[in-house]
Amino acid sequence: MFKGTILHRVVRVVAIVALLCAAARAANAQAKPAAAIELTDAAGHVVRLAKPARRVISLIPSATETLIALGATPQIVGRTRYDVAPEVAKLPSVGGGLDPSVETIVSLHPDLVIAWESDKRQQIRQQLIAAGIAVFVLRTQDTTDIFRGMANLGRLTGRDSAARAVATSVRGELEVVRRRVAGLSTPTVFYVVYSDPPMTAGPATFIGQLLDLAGGRSIFADLRQNWPTVAMEEIVRRDPDVVIVPVGEFKTNTIDRFRGLAGWRELRAVREGRVVTVPADLSSRPGPGIGEAARVLSAAIHHDFSARAKP
């Protein structure tokens, strides 16, 4: 009787184990392997990954910031000298974005490198491809490119849902700024990309689009070039209400400096103290910070200058 009971229990255990094994085999048979990724980049190259990238190097600081926003910081294994985010400060530098050290990149064993579409020579891409490293080229000219880049980086790193969430959040920030300036006057603006010779942002760039959204109007909104160099005489003739200067790389871009420069000191905005600085690392980077950039630009454009003392 006792032996029969033990035998019965053993049989039951064996049967249960057999059922569990069968269920596991069935689940494994139904489980899908990590889906391969195939995307066409901004240069028209088809990039294929067997699975989401786990070791990534971005040569574009704004793309690095996007990866961080997506929660992909653990997947970033290198940075450029222009990356300022504290999350990647301790990572090894590969040099510049357009002139990185290929040897350093290869030594970090990335399975994906994000590169500039504006690098027309594509020599770095060719060298990395020859080393067996996938390269995805991003375009970063306008806001459409920014949101497309978010989606593509999410897809490449297995963070699609995070990419959608970040994009939704940024669009919400932009909409807040849009509503805030609705009905306000529209000051004319000159955005200084470079001061000598004068260069500005064209209307089809993300900066030009953010200026419009923030309630300003570029004095060169009629130009078709993305980053036109313009004559000082024409800036004086068009006489902007506000001059916006990104400060970061060019730390000497202050109102006192512009007051001392020929041509610039003739501008009404300079004479009346309407030269406004904004952080270059924010306003000049086409990434997840464009919502905050729009807010900062809006504050610069619509600041109440009437209460300020005139020189």
Protein backbone atom coordinates (compact mmCIF):
# COMPACT_ATOMS: atom_id res chain seq x y z
CA MET A 1 0.00 0.00 0.00
CA PHE A 2 2.76 2.44 1.03
CA LYS A 3 4.92 1.46 -1.94
CA GLY A 4 1.91 1.90 -4.23
CA THR A 5 1.33 5.39 -2.90
CA ILE A 6 4.97 6.40 -3.47
CA LEU A 7 4.87 4.93 -6.97
CA HIS A 8 1.67 6.85 -7.70
CA ARG A 9 3.24 10.12 -6.54
CA VAL A 10 6.35 9.51 -8.63
CA VAL A 11 4.24 8.88 -11.69
CA ARG A 12 2.34 12.10 -11.06
CA VAL A 13 5.54 14.12 -10.66
CA VAL A 14 6.96 12.65 -13.85
CA ALA A 15 3.76 13.45 -15.68
CA ILE A 16 3.76 17.03 -14.42
CA VAL A 17 7.41 17.50 -15.41
CA ALA A 18 6.64 16.08 -18.83
CA LEU A 19 3.74 18.50 -19.24
CA LEU A 20 5.91 21.45 -18.17
CA CYS A 21 8.64 20.46 -20.59
CA ALA A 22 6.12 20.13 -23.38
CA ALA A 23 4.68 23.57 -22.54
CA ALA A 24 8.16 25.07 -22.51
CA ARG A 25 8.96 23.54 -25.88
CA ALA A 26 5.71 24.88 -27.29
CA ALA A 27 6.41 28.35 -25.89
CA ASN A 28 9.92 28.31 -27.32
CA ALA A 29 8.56 27.23 -30.66
CA GLN A 30 6.11 30.14 -30.63
CA ALA A 31 8.57 32.73 -29.25
CA LYS A 32 9.87 35.09 -31.90
CA PRO A 33 13.60 35.74 -32.10
CA ALA A 34 14.77 39.33 -31.76
CA ALA A 35 13.51 40.95 -34.93
CA ALA A 36 16.13 42.07 -37.40
CA ILE A 37 16.15 45.81 -38.12
CA GLU A 38 16.31 47.32 -41.58
CA LEU A 39 16.19 51.10 -41.98
CA THR A 40 17.13 53.51 -44.74
CA ASP A 41 19.20 56.40 -43.43
CA ALA A 42 19.30 60.04 -44.53
CA ALA A 43 21.97 59.31 -47.14
CA GLY A 44 19.87 56.56 -48.73
CA HIS A 45 21.89 53.67 -47.32
CA VAL A 46 19.98 50.60 -46.13
CA VAL A 47 21.29 49.73 -42.66
CA ARG A 48 20.67 46.25 -41.31
CA LEU A 49 21.09 45.04 -37.74
CA ALA A 50 20.44 41.47 -36.62
CA LYS A 51 19.07 42.89 -33.35
CA PRO A 52 18.88 46.26 -31.57
CA ALA A 53 22.30 47.84 -31.09
CA ARG A 54 23.83 47.32 -27.66
CA ARG A 55 27.03 49.31 -28.16
CA VAL A 56 26.51 52.70 -29.78
CA ILE A 57 28.69 55.71 -30.57
CA SER A 58 27.07 58.91 -31.80
CA LEU A 59 29.20 61.46 -33.65
CA ILE A 60 26.32 63.96 -33.41
CA PRO A 61 25.92 65.62 -29.98
CA SER A 62 22.18 66.16 -30.45
CA ALA A 63 21.76 62.46 -31.31
CA THR A 64 23.73 61.59 -28.17
CA GLU A 65 21.27 63.72 -26.19
CA THR A 66 18.40 61.91 -27.89
CA LEU A 67 19.84 58.52 -26.92
CA ILE A 68 20.11 59.71 -23.32
CA ALA A 69 16.50 60.94 -23.39
CA LEU A 70 15.41 57.51 -24.67
CA GLY A 71 17.08 55.82 -21.70
CA ALA A 72 19.82 54.33 -23.88
CA THR A 73 22.73 55.76 -21.87
CA PRO A 74 23.98 52.25 -20.89
CA GLN A 75 24.32 51.47 -24.60
CA ILE A 76 26.57 54.46 -25.35
CA VAL A 77 30.25 53.46 -25.28
CA GLY A 78 31.96 56.59 -26.61
CA ARG A 79 31.45 60.33 -27.10
CA THR A 80 32.82 63.27 -29.08
CA ARG A 81 34.69 66.19 -27.55
CA TYR A 82 31.55 68.30 -28.06
CA ASP A 83 29.24 66.17 -25.92
CA VAL A 84 28.47 68.12 -22.76
CA ALA A 85 25.90 65.84 -21.08
CA PRO A 86 27.15 64.64 -17.67
CA GLU A 87 25.77 61.17 -18.41
CA VAL A 88 28.56 60.57 -20.94
CA ALA A 89 31.32 62.75 -19.47
CA LYS A 90 33.37 59.78 -18.27
CA LEU A 91 33.18 57.86 -21.54
CA PRO A 92 36.23 57.79 -23.82
CA SER A 93 36.32 60.52 -26.46
CA VAL A 94 36.66 59.58 -30.11
CA GLY A 95 37.53 63.15 -31.15
CA GLY A 96 35.42 65.42 -33.32
CA GLY A 97 32.12 64.61 -34.95
CA LEU A 98 33.41 65.11 -38.49
CA ASP A 99 37.02 64.08 -37.85
CA PRO A 100 36.93 61.31 -35.24
CA SER A 101 39.65 58.75 -34.67
CA VAL A 102 38.55 55.65 -36.55
CA GLU A 103 41.07 53.61 -34.58
CA THR A 104 39.53 54.71 -31.28
CA ILE A 105 36.02 53.95 -32.52
CA VAL A 106 37.01 50.47 -33.66
CA SER A 107 38.75 49.79 -30.34
CA LEU A 108 35.47 50.44 -28.49
CA HIS A 109 33.72 47.67 -30.49
CA PRO A 110 30.45 49.45 -31.28
CA ASP A 111 27.82 47.63 -33.28
CA LEU A 112 26.40 50.96 -34.47
CA VAL A 113 27.78 54.46 -35.15
CA ILE A 114 25.53 57.47 -35.76
CA ALA A 115 27.09 59.89 -38.28
CA TRP A 116 26.38 63.25 -39.90
CA GLU A 117 24.51 63.49 -43.19
CA SER A 118 26.29 66.82 -43.76
CA ASP A 119 29.63 64.98 -44.08
CA LYS A 120 29.37 64.72 -47.85
CA ARG A 121 32.67 62.89 -48.29
CA GLN A 122 31.47 60.00 -46.11
CA GLN A 123 35.08 58.82 -45.68
CA ILE A 124 34.56 57.99 -42.02
CA ARG A 125 31.49 55.93 -42.89
CA GLN A 126 33.37 53.99 -45.52
CA GLN A 127 36.23 53.22 -43.14
CA LEU A 128 33.86 52.05 -40.41
CA ILE A 129 31.86 49.90 -42.83
CA ALA A 130 35.13 48.32 -43.95
CA ALA A 131 35.82 47.52 -40.28
CA GLY A 132 32.48 45.72 -40.02
CA ILE A 133 30.68 48.45 -38.07
CA ALA A 134 27.16 49.53 -39.06
CA VAL A 135 26.78 53.28 -39.67
CA PHE A 136 23.47 55.14 -39.67
CA VAL A 137 23.51 58.65 -41.16
CA LEU A 138 21.18 61.28 -39.66
CA ARG A 139 19.97 64.53 -41.20
CA THR A 140 19.48 67.35 -38.69
CA GLN A 141 18.33 70.36 -40.70
CA ASP A 142 14.72 70.88 -39.61
CA THR A 143 12.21 69.81 -36.95
CA THR A 144 10.89 67.01 -39.17
CA ASP A 145 14.41 65.58 -39.19
CA ILE A 146 14.54 65.84 -35.40
CA PHE A 147 11.38 63.81 -34.87
CA ARG A 148 12.35 61.31 -37.56
CA GLY A 149 15.71 60.93 -35.84
CA MET A 150 14.02 60.20 -32.51
CA ALA A 151 11.96 57.44 -34.11
CA ASN A 152 14.93 55.94 -35.95
CA LEU A 153 17.20 55.98 -32.89
CA GLY A 154 14.44 54.34 -30.88
CA ARG A 155 14.10 51.63 -33.50
CA LEU A 156 17.85 51.04 -33.77
CA THR A 157 18.31 50.70 -30.01
CA GLY A 158 15.14 48.74 -29.22
CA ARG A 159 13.48 51.72 -27.52
CA ASP A 160 10.54 52.45 -29.81
CA SER A 161 8.06 53.17 -27.02
CA ALA A 162 10.50 55.54 -25.30
CA ALA A 163 11.02 57.36 -28.61
CA ARG A 164 7.28 57.85 -29.01
CA ALA A 165 7.00 59.14 -25.44
CA VAL A 166 9.86 61.62 -25.89
CA ALA A 167 8.44 62.88 -29.19
CA THR A 168 5.02 63.37 -27.60
CA SER A 169 6.56 65.29 -24.71
CA VAL A 170 8.59 67.57 -27.01
CA ARG A 171 5.57 68.28 -29.21
CA GLY A 172 3.67 69.20 -26.06
CA GLU A 173 6.39 71.68 -25.05
CA LEU A 174 6.33 73.27 -28.48
CA GLU A 175 2.55 73.59 -28.37
CA VAL A 176 2.72 75.37 -25.00
CA VAL A 177 5.06 77.98 -26.53
CA ARG A 178 2.89 78.30 -29.63
CA ARG A 179 -0.19 79.04 -27.53
CA ARG A 180 1.69 81.43 -25.25
CA VAL A 181 2.70 83.75 -28.10
CA ALA A 182 -0.59 83.54 -30.00
CA GLY A 183 -1.96 87.05 -30.44
CA LEU A 184 1.29 88.80 -29.46
CA SER A 185 3.16 91.16 -31.75
CA THR A 186 5.78 89.64 -34.03
CA PRO A 187 9.17 91.32 -33.57
CA THR A 188 11.73 91.01 -36.34
CA VAL A 189 14.81 89.02 -35.41
CA PHE A 190 18.36 88.50 -36.55
CA TYR A 191 19.78 85.23 -35.20
CA VAL A 192 23.58 85.32 -35.20
CA VAL A 193 25.06 81.98 -36.22
CA TYR A 194 28.40 83.72 -36.80
CA SER A 195 29.28 87.39 -36.55
CA ASP A 196 32.24 87.83 -38.91
CA PRO A 197 31.23 87.43 -41.63
CA PRO A 198 27.58 87.57 -40.54
CA MET A 199 25.77 84.26 -40.89
CA THR A 200 22.22 83.37 -39.89
CA ALA A 201 19.71 80.51 -39.94
CA GLY A 202 17.46 80.12 -42.95
CA PRO A 203 13.68 79.62 -42.61
CA ALA A 204 13.85 75.91 -43.45
CA THR A 205 16.25 75.11 -40.59
CA PHE A 206 15.13 74.01 -37.15
CA ILE A 207 16.33 77.35 -35.74
CA GLY A 208 14.33 79.29 -38.31
CA GLN A 209 11.27 77.18 -37.55
CA LEU A 210 11.71 77.64 -33.79
CA LEU A 211 11.98 81.42 -34.23
CA ASP A 212 8.65 81.41 -36.06
CA LEU A 213 7.01 79.18 -33.47
CA ALA A 214 8.39 81.39 -30.66
CA GLY A 215 6.62 84.42 -32.13
CA GLY A 216 9.43 86.12 -34.04
CA ARG A 217 10.11 86.76 -37.70
CA SER A 218 13.58 86.49 -39.15
CA ILE A 219 14.61 89.50 -41.21
CA PHE A 220 15.98 86.99 -43.72
CA ALA A 221 12.91 84.76 -43.91
CA ASP A 222 12.89 85.29 -47.67
CA LEU A 223 16.20 83.48 -48.21
CA ARG A 224 16.29 79.88 -49.40
CA GLN A 225 19.72 78.89 -48.09
CA ASN A 226 19.84 76.99 -44.84
CA TRP A 227 22.83 78.85 -43.38
CA PRO A 228 23.31 82.00 -45.47
CA THR A 229 26.16 84.46 -45.10
CA VAL A 230 24.63 87.93 -45.38
CA ALA A 231 26.00 91.41 -45.97
CA MET A 232 26.29 93.70 -42.97
CA GLU A 233 24.79 96.50 -45.05
CA GLU A 234 21.68 94.38 -45.63
CA ILE A 235 21.32 93.64 -41.91
CA VAL A 236 21.47 97.37 -41.21
CA ARG A 237 18.93 98.07 -43.95
CA ARG A 238 16.49 95.46 -42.59
CA ASP A 239 17.12 96.72 -39.02
CA PRO A 240 15.86 93.89 -36.72
CA ASP A 241 13.94 94.61 -33.52
CA VAL A 242 16.00 91.99 -31.67
CA VAL A 243 19.42 90.42 -32.21
CA ILE A 244 19.74 86.94 -30.71
CA VAL A 245 23.22 85.63 -30.03
CA PRO A 246 23.94 82.04 -28.97
CA VAL A 247 26.65 82.06 -26.32
CA GLY A 248 28.89 79.08 -25.70
CA GLU A 249 31.53 78.58 -28.32
CA PHE A 250 31.79 82.35 -28.89
CA LYS A 251 31.91 83.60 -25.31
CA THR A 252 32.76 87.14 -26.39
CA ASN A 253 29.40 87.65 -28.12
CA THR A 254 28.14 90.29 -25.71
CA ILE A 255 26.27 93.51 -26.27
CA ASP A 256 29.41 95.51 -25.44
CA ARG A 257 31.30 93.70 -28.18
CA PHE A 258 28.59 94.38 -30.77
CA ARG A 259 28.52 98.03 -29.77
CA GLY A 260 32.17 98.22 -30.75
CA LEU A 261 31.85 96.53 -34.14
CA ALA A 262 31.45 98.51 -37.32
CA GLY A 263 28.04 97.95 -38.85
CA TRP A 264 26.64 96.21 -35.82
CA ARG A 265 26.72 99.39 -33.75
CA GLU A 266 24.49 101.02 -36.38
CA LEU A 267 21.64 98.66 -35.59
CA ARG A 268 18.80 100.09 -33.54
CA ALA A 269 18.65 96.82 -31.55
CA VAL A 270 22.30 97.22 -30.54
CA ARG A 271 21.98 100.92 -29.71
CA GLU A 272 18.90 100.29 -27.56
CA GLY A 273 20.23 97.22 -25.79
CA ARG A 274 18.13 94.58 -27.56
CA VAL A 275 20.93 92.08 -28.05
CA VAL A 276 19.86 88.94 -26.21
CA THR A 277 22.06 85.93 -25.47
CA VAL A 278 20.79 82.37 -25.36
CA PRO A 279 22.71 79.16 -24.49
CA ALA A 280 24.30 77.79 -27.66
CA ASP A 281 24.21 74.22 -26.34
CA LEU A 282 20.42 74.55 -26.18
CA SER A 283 19.37 76.71 -29.12
CA SER A 284 21.83 75.27 -31.64
CA ARG A 285 21.25 71.55 -31.04
CA PRO A 286 18.56 69.73 -33.04
CA GLY A 287 17.53 67.23 -30.39
CA PRO A 288 15.09 66.63 -27.54
CA GLY A 289 15.85 70.08 -26.08
CA ILE A 290 14.05 71.99 -28.85
CA GLY A 291 10.98 72.45 -26.66
CA GLU A 292 13.06 74.24 -24.04
CA ALA A 293 14.91 76.08 -26.82
CA ALA A 294 11.61 77.41 -28.16
CA ARG A 295 10.70 78.65 -24.68
CA VAL A 296 14.05 80.42 -24.27
CA LEU A 297 13.82 81.98 -27.74
CA SER A 298 10.28 83.14 -27.02
CA ALA A 299 11.45 84.85 -23.82
CA ALA A 300 14.28 86.52 -25.77
CA ILE A 301 11.99 87.73 -28.54
CA HIS A 302 9.17 89.04 -26.32
CA HIS A 303 11.14 90.41 -23.41
CA ASP A 304 9.89 93.81 -22.27
CA PHE A 305 12.74 96.05 -23.36
CA SER A 306 10.76 99.25 -22.74
CA ALA A 307 11.79 99.25 -19.09
CA ARG A 308 15.47 99.00 -19.86
CA ALA A 309 17.69 102.08 -19.76
CA LYS A 310 18.87 103.23 -23.15
CA PRO A 311 22.56 104.03 -23.60
